[in-house]
Amino acid sequence: IMVCLEVANGERRWKGDRYGHGQEILVGDVLLVTAESGEVILLDPDPKEPRELTRFPALKGKTWNPPALAGQYLLVRNEKEAACYRLPVAQH
């Protein structure tokens, strides 16, 4: 279960969705989550409320492996398959 806590006092700000035994990495201001279901979810880690930016099915079957990001390329895998996705990159 995704939870946002206030660091200073440990109080819960919000409680969000369940992603099973998923993994996450912070990419700039976005939290990239690979769910146990094989979906990839991009979240805005806003302390006021959880905001899902997008979600897509990346792999079939149970996925426990952490994602890897190399520039704009997202690499995900499980015990049966691997995939590489090109993510849009914001231009400054």
PDB file of N, CA and C in Angstrom:
ATOM      1  N   ILE A   1       0.859  -1.178   0.000  1.00  0.00           N
ATOM      2  CA  ILE A   1       0.000   0.000   0.000  1.00  0.00           C
ATOM      3  C   ILE A   1       0.899   1.233   0.000  1.00  0.00           C
ATOM      4  N   MET A   2       0.653   2.141  -0.914  1.00  0.00           N
ATOM      5  CA  MET A   2       1.420   3.380  -0.972  1.00  0.00           C
ATOM      6  C   MET A   2       0.893   4.326   0.098  1.00  0.00           C
ATOM      7  N   VAL A   3       1.813   4.839   0.917  1.00  0.00           N
ATOM      8  CA  VAL A   3       1.456   5.726   2.025  1.00  0.00           C
ATOM      9  C   VAL A   3       2.389   6.928   2.018  1.00  0.00           C
ATOM     10  N   CYS A   4       1.851   8.093   2.333  1.00  0.00           N
ATOM     11  CA  CYS A   4       2.639   9.310   2.471  1.00  0.00           C
ATOM     12  C   CYS A   4       2.643   9.699   3.945  1.00  0.00           C
ATOM     13  N   LEU A   5       3.855   9.837   4.501  1.00  0.00           N
ATOM     14  CA  LEU A   5       4.003  10.198   5.909  1.00  0.00           C
ATOM     15  C   LEU A   5       4.673  11.558   6.047  1.00  0.00           C
ATOM     16  N   GLU A   6       4.311  12.283   7.082  1.00  0.00           N
ATOM     17  CA  GLU A   6       4.987  13.524   7.447  1.00  0.00           C
ATOM     18  C   GLU A   6       6.278  13.135   8.153  1.00  0.00           C
ATOM     19  N   VAL A   7       7.422  13.513   7.571  1.00  0.00           N
ATOM     20  CA  VAL A   7       8.718  13.092   8.109  1.00  0.00           C
ATOM     21  C   VAL A   7       8.931  13.611   9.528  1.00  0.00           C
ATOM     22  N   ALA A   8       8.523  14.832   9.805  1.00  0.00           N
ATOM     23  CA  ALA A   8       8.790  15.454  11.108  1.00  0.00           C
ATOM     24  C   ALA A   8       8.130  14.710  12.273  1.00  0.00           C
ATOM     25  N   ASN A   9       6.918  14.166  12.062  1.00  0.00           N
ATOM     26  CA  ASN A   9       6.200  13.566  13.190  1.00  0.00           C
ATOM     27  C   ASN A   9       5.656  12.153  12.917  1.00  0.00           C
ATOM     28  N   GLY A  10       5.838  11.636  11.716  1.00  0.00           N
ATOM     29  CA  GLY A  10       5.379  10.290  11.395  1.00  0.00           C
ATOM     30  C   GLY A  10       3.890  10.165  11.128  1.00  0.00           C
ATOM     31  N   GLU A  11       3.162  11.284  11.097  1.00  0.00           N
ATOM     32  CA  GLU A  11       1.716  11.228  10.840  1.00  0.00           C
ATOM     33  C   GLU A  11       1.443  10.900   9.379  1.00  0.00           C
ATOM     34  N   ARG A  12       0.391  10.100   9.159  1.00  0.00           N
ATOM     35  CA  ARG A  12       0.003   9.734   7.806  1.00  0.00           C
ATOM     36  C   ARG A  12      -0.752  10.877   7.151  1.00  0.00           C
ATOM     37  N   ARG A  13      -0.284  11.273   5.945  1.00  0.00           N
ATOM     38  CA  ARG A  13      -0.955  12.307   5.160  1.00  0.00           C
ATOM     39  C   ARG A  13      -2.051  11.693   4.286  1.00  0.00           C
ATOM     40  N   TRP A  14      -1.726  10.559   3.629  1.00  0.00           N
ATOM     41  CA  TRP A  14      -2.709   9.833   2.839  1.00  0.00           C
ATOM     42  C   TRP A  14      -2.286   8.377   2.679  1.00  0.00           C
ATOM     43  N   LYS A  15      -3.255   7.572   2.289  1.00  0.00           N
ATOM     44  CA  LYS A  15      -3.030   6.147   2.024  1.00  0.00           C
ATOM     45  C   LYS A  15      -3.606   5.879   0.643  1.00  0.00           C
ATOM     46  N   GLY A  16      -2.802   5.324  -0.256  1.00  0.00           N
ATOM     47  CA  GLY A  16      -3.226   5.156  -1.643  1.00  0.00           C
ATOM     48  C   GLY A  16      -3.459   3.720  -2.040  1.00  0.00           C
ATOM     49  N   ASP A  17      -3.196   3.446  -3.313  1.00  0.00           N
ATOM     50  CA  ASP A  17      -3.451   2.135  -3.908  1.00  0.00           C
ATOM     51  C   ASP A  17      -2.468   1.070  -3.440  1.00  0.00           C
ATOM     52  N   ARG A  18      -2.823  -0.166  -3.777  1.00  0.00           N
ATOM     53  CA  ARG A  18      -1.975  -1.329  -3.497  1.00  0.00           C
ATOM     54  C   ARG A  18      -1.284  -1.731  -4.794  1.00  0.00           C
ATOM     55  N   TYR A  19      -0.003  -2.064  -4.680  1.00  0.00           N
ATOM     56  CA  TYR A  19       0.768  -2.473  -5.851  1.00  0.00           C
ATOM     57  C   TYR A  19       1.424  -3.830  -5.638  1.00  0.00           C
ATOM     58  N   GLY A  20       0.945  -4.586  -4.648  1.00  0.00           N
ATOM     59  CA  GLY A  20       1.526  -5.889  -4.369  1.00  0.00           C
ATOM     60  C   GLY A  20       2.977  -5.739  -3.954  1.00  0.00           C
ATOM     61  N   HIS A  21       3.798  -6.690  -4.361  1.00  0.00           N
ATOM     62  CA  HIS A  21       5.236  -6.621  -4.068  1.00  0.00           C
ATOM     63  C   HIS A  21       5.932  -5.852  -5.184  1.00  0.00           C
ATOM     64  N   GLY A  22       5.430  -4.650  -5.455  1.00  0.00           N
ATOM     65  CA  GLY A  22       5.997  -3.813  -6.506  1.00  0.00           C
ATOM     66  C   GLY A  22       7.244  -3.082  -6.033  1.00  0.00           C
ATOM     67  N   GLN A  23       7.883  -2.416  -6.960  1.00  0.00           N
ATOM     68  CA  GLN A  23       9.105  -1.661  -6.702  1.00  0.00           C
ATOM     69  C   GLN A  23       8.895  -0.243  -7.211  1.00  0.00           C
ATOM     70  N   GLU A  24       9.654   0.687  -6.672  1.00  0.00           N
ATOM     71  CA  GLU A  24       9.523   2.058  -7.153  1.00  0.00           C
ATOM     72  C   GLU A  24      10.869   2.762  -7.163  1.00  0.00           C
ATOM     73  N   ILE A  25      10.949   3.765  -8.054  1.00  0.00           N
ATOM     74  CA  ILE A  25      12.109   4.649  -8.097  1.00  0.00           C
ATOM     75  C   ILE A  25      11.597   6.072  -8.309  1.00  0.00           C
ATOM     76  N   LEU A  26      12.290   7.022  -7.724  1.00  0.00           N
ATOM     77  CA  LEU A  26      11.947   8.427  -7.896  1.00  0.00           C
ATOM     78  C   LEU A  26      12.719   8.944  -9.101  1.00  0.00           C
ATOM     79  N   VAL A  27      11.981   9.494 -10.067  1.00  0.00           N
ATOM     80  CA  VAL A  27      12.565  10.024 -11.290  1.00  0.00           C
ATOM     81  C   VAL A  27      12.188  11.506 -11.353  1.00  0.00           C
ATOM     82  N   GLY A  28      13.127  12.362 -10.976  1.00  0.00           N
ATOM     83  CA  GLY A  28      12.812  13.783 -10.908  1.00  0.00           C
ATOM     84  C   GLY A  28      11.751  14.012  -9.851  1.00  0.00           C
ATOM     85  N   ASP A  29      10.599  14.503 -10.263  1.00  0.00           N
ATOM     86  CA  ASP A  29       9.476  14.755  -9.358  1.00  0.00           C
ATOM     87  C   ASP A  29       8.378  13.710  -9.487  1.00  0.00           C
ATOM     88  N   VAL A  30       8.654  12.599 -10.151  1.00  0.00           N
ATOM     89  CA  VAL A  30       7.644  11.568 -10.402  1.00  0.00           C
ATOM     90  C   VAL A  30       8.101  10.247  -9.788  1.00  0.00           C
ATOM     91  N   LEU A  31       7.172   9.534  -9.180  1.00  0.00           N
ATOM     92  CA  LEU A  31       7.447   8.219  -8.633  1.00  0.00           C
ATOM     93  C   LEU A  31       7.030   7.182  -9.676  1.00  0.00           C
ATOM     94  N   LEU A  32       7.984   6.370 -10.116  1.00  0.00           N
ATOM     95  CA  LEU A  32       7.721   5.327 -11.095  1.00  0.00           C
ATOM     96  C   LEU A  32       7.590   4.011 -10.338  1.00  0.00           C
ATOM     97  N   VAL A  33       6.439   3.375 -10.463  1.00  0.00           N
ATOM     98  CA  VAL A  33       6.131   2.144  -9.731  1.00  0.00           C
ATOM     99  C   VAL A  33       5.946   1.010 -10.726  1.00  0.00           C
ATOM    100  N   THR A  34       6.608  -0.110 -10.484  1.00  0.00           N
ATOM    101  CA  THR A  34       6.288  -1.329 -11.214  1.00  0.00           C
ATOM    102  C   THR A  34       5.506  -2.202 -10.235  1.00  0.00           C
ATOM    103  N   ALA A  35       4.263  -2.451 -10.569  1.00  0.00           N
ATOM    104  CA  ALA A  35       3.390  -3.228  -9.703  1.00  0.00           C
ATOM    105  C   ALA A  35       3.660  -4.727  -9.880  1.00  0.00           C
ATOM    106  N   GLU A  36       3.302  -5.503  -8.883  1.00  0.00           N
ATOM    107  CA  GLU A  36       3.443  -6.959  -8.952  1.00  0.00           C
ATOM    108  C   GLU A  36       2.676  -7.519 -10.144  1.00  0.00           C
ATOM    109  N   SER A  37       1.608  -6.839 -10.559  1.00  0.00           N
ATOM    110  CA  SER A  37       0.777  -7.281 -11.681  1.00  0.00           C
ATOM    111  C   SER A  37       1.451  -7.098 -13.036  1.00  0.00           C
ATOM    112  N   GLY A  38       2.596  -6.376 -13.085  1.00  0.00           N
ATOM    113  CA  GLY A  38       3.274  -6.118 -14.350  1.00  0.00           C
ATOM    114  C   GLY A  38       2.978  -4.752 -14.934  1.00  0.00           C
ATOM    115  N   GLU A  39       2.127  -3.986 -14.274  1.00  0.00           N
ATOM    116  CA  GLU A  39       1.824  -2.632 -14.743  1.00  0.00           C
ATOM    117  C   GLU A  39       2.899  -1.655 -14.291  1.00  0.00           C
ATOM    118  N   VAL A  40       3.071  -0.602 -15.070  1.00  0.00           N
ATOM    119  CA  VAL A  40       3.915   0.515 -14.683  1.00  0.00           C
ATOM    120  C   VAL A  40       2.991   1.690 -14.409  1.00  0.00           C
ATOM    121  N   ILE A  41       3.202   2.339 -13.275  1.00  0.00           N
ATOM    122  CA  ILE A  41       2.369   3.466 -12.853  1.00  0.00           C
ATOM    123  C   ILE A  41       3.283   4.648 -12.572  1.00  0.00           C
ATOM    124  N   LEU A  42       2.925   5.817 -13.073  1.00  0.00           N
ATOM    125  CA  LEU A  42       3.627   7.045 -12.750  1.00  0.00           C
ATOM    126  C   LEU A  42       2.755   7.846 -11.799  1.00  0.00           C
ATOM    127  N   LEU A  43       3.315   8.203 -10.641  1.00  0.00           N
ATOM    128  CA  LEU A  43       2.578   8.925  -9.612  1.00  0.00           C
ATOM    129  C   LEU A  43       3.220  10.277  -9.343  1.00  0.00           C
ATOM    130  N   ASP A  44       2.380  11.264  -9.100  1.00  0.00           N
ATOM    131  CA  ASP A  44       2.838  12.549  -8.599  1.00  0.00           C
ATOM    132  C   ASP A  44       2.840  12.411  -7.082  1.00  0.00           C
ATOM    133  N   PRO A  45       4.018  12.416  -6.446  1.00  0.00           N
ATOM    134  CA  PRO A  45       4.066  12.205  -4.990  1.00  0.00           C
ATOM    135  C   PRO A  45       3.711  13.471  -4.219  1.00  0.00           C
ATOM    136  N   ASP A  46       2.535  13.992  -4.463  1.00  0.00           N
ATOM    137  CA  ASP A  46       2.044  15.199  -3.802  1.00  0.00           C
ATOM    138  C   ASP A  46       1.649  14.866  -2.367  1.00  0.00           C
ATOM    139  N   PRO A  47       2.127  15.620  -1.379  1.00  0.00           N
ATOM    140  CA  PRO A  47       1.778  15.313   0.014  1.00  0.00           C
ATOM    141  C   PRO A  47       0.302  15.553   0.348  1.00  0.00           C
ATOM    142  N   LYS A  48      -0.434  16.251  -0.518  1.00  0.00           N
ATOM    143  CA  LYS A  48      -1.854  16.511  -0.252  1.00  0.00           C
ATOM    144  C   LYS A  48      -2.744  15.327  -0.612  1.00  0.00           C
ATOM    145  N   GLU A  49      -2.417  14.645  -1.729  1.00  0.00           N
ATOM    146  CA  GLU A  49      -3.231  13.520  -2.194  1.00  0.00           C
ATOM    147  C   GLU A  49      -2.451  12.722  -3.229  1.00  0.00           C
ATOM    148  N   PRO A  50      -2.722  11.419  -3.347  1.00  0.00           N
ATOM    149  CA  PRO A  50      -2.049  10.634  -4.374  1.00  0.00           C
ATOM    150  C   PRO A  50      -2.668  10.952  -5.741  1.00  0.00           C
ATOM    151  N   ARG A  51      -1.814  11.219  -6.727  1.00  0.00           N
ATOM    152  CA  ARG A  51      -2.300  11.508  -8.081  1.00  0.00           C
ATOM    153  C   ARG A  51      -1.605  10.592  -9.064  1.00  0.00           C
ATOM    154  N   GLU A  52      -2.376   9.704  -9.669  1.00  0.00           N
ATOM    155  CA  GLU A  52      -1.845   8.818 -10.691  1.00  0.00           C
ATOM    156  C   GLU A  52      -1.805   9.574 -12.010  1.00  0.00           C
ATOM    157  N   LEU A  53      -0.632   9.660 -12.627  1.00  0.00           N
ATOM    158  CA  LEU A  53      -0.474  10.387 -13.886  1.00  0.00           C
ATOM    159  C   LEU A  53      -0.777   9.497 -15.084  1.00  0.00           C
ATOM    160  N   THR A  54      -0.318   8.258 -15.034  1.00  0.00           N
ATOM    161  CA  THR A  54      -0.594   7.302 -16.099  1.00  0.00           C
ATOM    162  C   THR A  54      -0.307   5.893 -15.601  1.00  0.00           C
ATOM    163  N   ARG A  55      -0.795   4.928 -16.361  1.00  0.00           N
ATOM    164  CA  ARG A  55      -0.614   3.511 -16.026  1.00  0.00           C
ATOM    165  C   ARG A  55      -0.655   2.729 -17.335  1.00  0.00           C
ATOM    166  N   PHE A  56       0.232   1.738 -17.471  1.00  0.00           N
ATOM    167  CA  PHE A  56       0.175   0.885 -18.661  1.00  0.00           C
ATOM    168  C   PHE A  56       0.684  -0.512 -18.316  1.00  0.00           C
ATOM    169  N   PRO A  57       0.142  -1.539 -19.017  1.00  0.00           N
ATOM    170  CA  PRO A  57       0.611  -2.906 -18.786  1.00  0.00           C
ATOM    171  C   PRO A  57       1.968  -3.096 -19.459  1.00  0.00           C
ATOM    172  N   ALA A  58       3.003  -3.363 -18.683  1.00  0.00           N
ATOM    173  CA  ALA A  58       4.351  -3.495 -19.228  1.00  0.00           C
ATOM    174  C   ALA A  58       4.740  -4.948 -19.439  1.00  0.00           C
ATOM    175  N   LEU A  59       4.321  -5.827 -18.531  1.00  0.00           N
ATOM    176  CA  LEU A  59       4.665  -7.245 -18.591  1.00  0.00           C
ATOM    177  C   LEU A  59       3.447  -8.085 -18.230  1.00  0.00           C
ATOM    178  N   LYS A  60       3.469  -9.351 -18.643  1.00  0.00           N
ATOM    179  CA  LYS A  60       2.415 -10.286 -18.257  1.00  0.00           C
ATOM    180  C   LYS A  60       2.923 -11.116 -17.087  1.00  0.00           C
ATOM    181  N   GLY A  61       2.083 -11.292 -16.101  1.00  0.00           N
ATOM    182  CA  GLY A  61       2.462 -12.145 -14.976  1.00  0.00           C
ATOM    183  C   GLY A  61       3.114 -11.389 -13.848  1.00  0.00           C
ATOM    184  N   LYS A  62       3.423 -12.138 -12.809  1.00  0.00           N
ATOM    185  CA  LYS A  62       3.983 -11.590 -11.580  1.00  0.00           C
ATOM    186  C   LYS A  62       5.350 -10.959 -11.832  1.00  0.00           C
ATOM    187  N   THR A  63       5.514  -9.739 -11.334  1.00  0.00           N
ATOM    188  CA  THR A  63       6.755  -8.995 -11.533  1.00  0.00           C
ATOM    189  C   THR A  63       7.229  -8.463 -10.188  1.00  0.00           C
ATOM    190  N   TRP A  64       8.378  -8.943  -9.733  1.00  0.00           N
ATOM    191  CA  TRP A  64       8.939  -8.497  -8.458  1.00  0.00           C
ATOM    192  C   TRP A  64      10.257  -7.744  -8.646  1.00  0.00           C
ATOM    193  N   ASN A  65      10.789  -7.750  -9.850  1.00  0.00           N
ATOM    194  CA  ASN A  65      12.096  -7.144 -10.090  1.00  0.00           C
ATOM    195  C   ASN A  65      11.996  -5.622 -10.126  1.00  0.00           C
ATOM    196  N   PRO A  66      13.014  -4.935  -9.607  1.00  0.00           N
ATOM    197  CA  PRO A  66      13.004  -3.473  -9.667  1.00  0.00           C
ATOM    198  C   PRO A  66      13.218  -2.993 -11.094  1.00  0.00           C
ATOM    199  N   PRO A  67      12.625  -1.852 -11.440  1.00  0.00           N
ATOM    200  CA  PRO A  67      12.828  -1.284 -12.770  1.00  0.00           C
ATOM    201  C   PRO A  67      14.207  -0.638 -12.852  1.00  0.00           C
ATOM    202  N   ALA A  68      14.666  -0.410 -14.075  1.00  0.00           N
ATOM    203  CA  ALA A  68      15.917   0.329 -14.309  1.00  0.00           C
ATOM    204  C   ALA A  68      15.612   1.418 -15.325  1.00  0.00           C
ATOM    205  N   LEU A  69      16.210   2.562 -15.138  1.00  0.00           N
ATOM    206  CA  LEU A  69      15.996   3.677 -16.041  1.00  0.00           C
ATOM    207  C   LEU A  69      17.348   4.161 -16.529  1.00  0.00           C
ATOM    208  N   ALA A  70      17.496   4.240 -17.851  1.00  0.00           N
ATOM    209  CA  ALA A  70      18.724   4.739 -18.469  1.00  0.00           C
ATOM    210  C   ALA A  70      18.304   5.845 -19.433  1.00  0.00           C
ATOM    211  N   GLY A  71      18.432   7.087 -18.985  1.00  0.00           N
ATOM    212  CA  GLY A  71      17.958   8.199 -19.803  1.00  0.00           C
ATOM    213  C   GLY A  71      16.456   8.098 -19.974  1.00  0.00           C
ATOM    214  N   GLN A  72      15.999   7.998 -21.205  1.00  0.00           N
ATOM    215  CA  GLN A  72      14.559   7.893 -21.459  1.00  0.00           C
ATOM    216  C   GLN A  72      14.082   6.452 -21.618  1.00  0.00           C
ATOM    217  N   TYR A  73      14.955   5.477 -21.367  1.00  0.00           N
ATOM    218  CA  TYR A  73      14.597   4.073 -21.555  1.00  0.00           C
ATOM    219  C   TYR A  73      14.339   3.378 -20.226  1.00  0.00           C
ATOM    220  N   LEU A  74      13.134   2.832 -20.105  1.00  0.00           N
ATOM    221  CA  LEU A  74      12.721   2.086 -18.925  1.00  0.00           C
ATOM    222  C   LEU A  74      12.859   0.601 -19.228  1.00  0.00           C
ATOM    223  N   LEU A  75      13.595  -0.109 -18.380  1.00  0.00           N
ATOM    224  CA  LEU A  75      13.785  -1.546 -18.531  1.00  0.00           C
ATOM    225  C   LEU A  75      13.075  -2.258 -17.388  1.00  0.00           C
ATOM    226  N   VAL A  76      12.201  -3.203 -17.742  1.00  0.00           N
ATOM    227  CA  VAL A  76      11.463  -3.986 -16.751  1.00  0.00           C
ATOM    228  C   VAL A  76      11.573  -5.462 -17.126  1.00  0.00           C
ATOM    229  N   ARG A  77      11.518  -6.336 -16.103  1.00  0.00           N
ATOM    230  CA  ARG A  77      11.598  -7.773 -16.392  1.00  0.00           C
ATOM    231  C   ARG A  77      10.936  -8.572 -15.281  1.00  0.00           C
ATOM    232  N   ASN A  78      10.588  -9.790 -15.621  1.00  0.00           N
ATOM    233  CA  ASN A  78      10.182 -10.791 -14.639  1.00  0.00           C
ATOM    234  C   ASN A  78      10.876 -12.091 -15.029  1.00  0.00           C
ATOM    235  N   GLU A  79      10.442 -13.237 -14.501  1.00  0.00           N
ATOM    236  CA  GLU A  79      11.185 -14.471 -14.788  1.00  0.00           C
ATOM    237  C   GLU A  79      10.927 -15.008 -16.195  1.00  0.00           C
ATOM    238  N   LYS A  80       9.961 -14.435 -16.925  1.00  0.00           N
ATOM    239  CA  LYS A  80       9.629 -14.950 -18.251  1.00  0.00           C
ATOM    240  C   LYS A  80       9.948 -13.997 -19.396  1.00  0.00           C
ATOM    241  N   GLU A  81       9.978 -12.714 -19.132  1.00  0.00           N
ATOM    242  CA  GLU A  81      10.187 -11.760 -20.219  1.00  0.00           C
ATOM    243  C   GLU A  81      10.824 -10.472 -19.718  1.00  0.00           C
ATOM    244  N   ALA A  82      11.333  -9.707 -20.663  1.00  0.00           N
ATOM    245  CA  ALA A  82      11.893  -8.393 -20.377  1.00  0.00           C
ATOM    246  C   ALA A  82      11.374  -7.441 -21.445  1.00  0.00           C
ATOM    247  N   ALA A  83      11.293  -6.167 -21.094  1.00  0.00           N
ATOM    248  CA  ALA A  83      10.798  -5.179 -22.046  1.00  0.00           C
ATOM    249  C   ALA A  83      11.511  -3.854 -21.819  1.00  0.00           C
ATOM    250  N   CYS A  84      11.614  -3.099 -22.898  1.00  0.00           N
ATOM    251  CA  CYS A  84      12.209  -1.769 -22.841  1.00  0.00           C
ATOM    252  C   CYS A  84      11.195  -0.787 -23.414  1.00  0.00           C
ATOM    253  N   TYR A  85      10.928   0.281 -22.689  1.00  0.00           N
ATOM    254  CA  TYR A  85       9.986   1.306 -23.114  1.00  0.00           C
ATOM    255  C   TYR A  85      10.699   2.645 -23.185  1.00  0.00           C
ATOM    256  N   ARG A  86      10.410   3.392 -24.227  1.00  0.00           N
ATOM    257  CA  ARG A  86      10.952   4.742 -24.341  1.00  0.00           C
ATOM    258  C   ARG A  86       9.936   5.698 -23.738  1.00  0.00           C
ATOM    259  N   LEU A  87      10.324   6.374 -22.675  1.00  0.00           N
ATOM    260  CA  LEU A  87       9.429   7.302 -21.983  1.00  0.00           C
ATOM    261  C   LEU A  87       9.637   8.716 -22.505  1.00  0.00           C
ATOM    262  N   PRO A  88       8.569   9.498 -22.549  1.00  0.00           N
ATOM    263  CA  PRO A  88       8.738  10.900 -22.961  1.00  0.00           C
ATOM    264  C   PRO A  88       9.563  11.654 -21.912  1.00  0.00           C
ATOM    265  N   VAL A  89      10.428  12.522 -22.369  1.00  0.00           N
ATOM    266  CA  VAL A  89      11.271  13.310 -21.488  1.00  0.00           C
ATOM    267  C   VAL A  89      10.902  14.774 -21.646  1.00  0.00           C
ATOM    268  N   ALA A  90      10.691  15.452 -20.518  1.00  0.00           N
ATOM    269  CA  ALA A  90      10.340  16.874 -20.567  1.00  0.00           C
ATOM    270  C   ALA A  90      11.529  17.685 -21.062  1.00  0.00           C
ATOM    271  N   GLN A  91      11.257  18.636 -21.942  1.00  0.00           N
ATOM    272  CA  GLN A  91      12.276  19.530 -22.452  1.00  0.00           C
ATOM    273  C   GLN A  91      12.258  20.815 -21.646  1.00  0.00           C
ATOM    274  N   HIS A  92      13.420  21.261 -21.172  1.00  0.00           N
ATOM    275  CA  HIS A  92      13.496  22.469 -20.355  1.00  0.00           C
ATOM    276  C   HIS A  92      13.950  23.645 -21.174  1.00  0.00           C
TER     277      HIS A  92
END
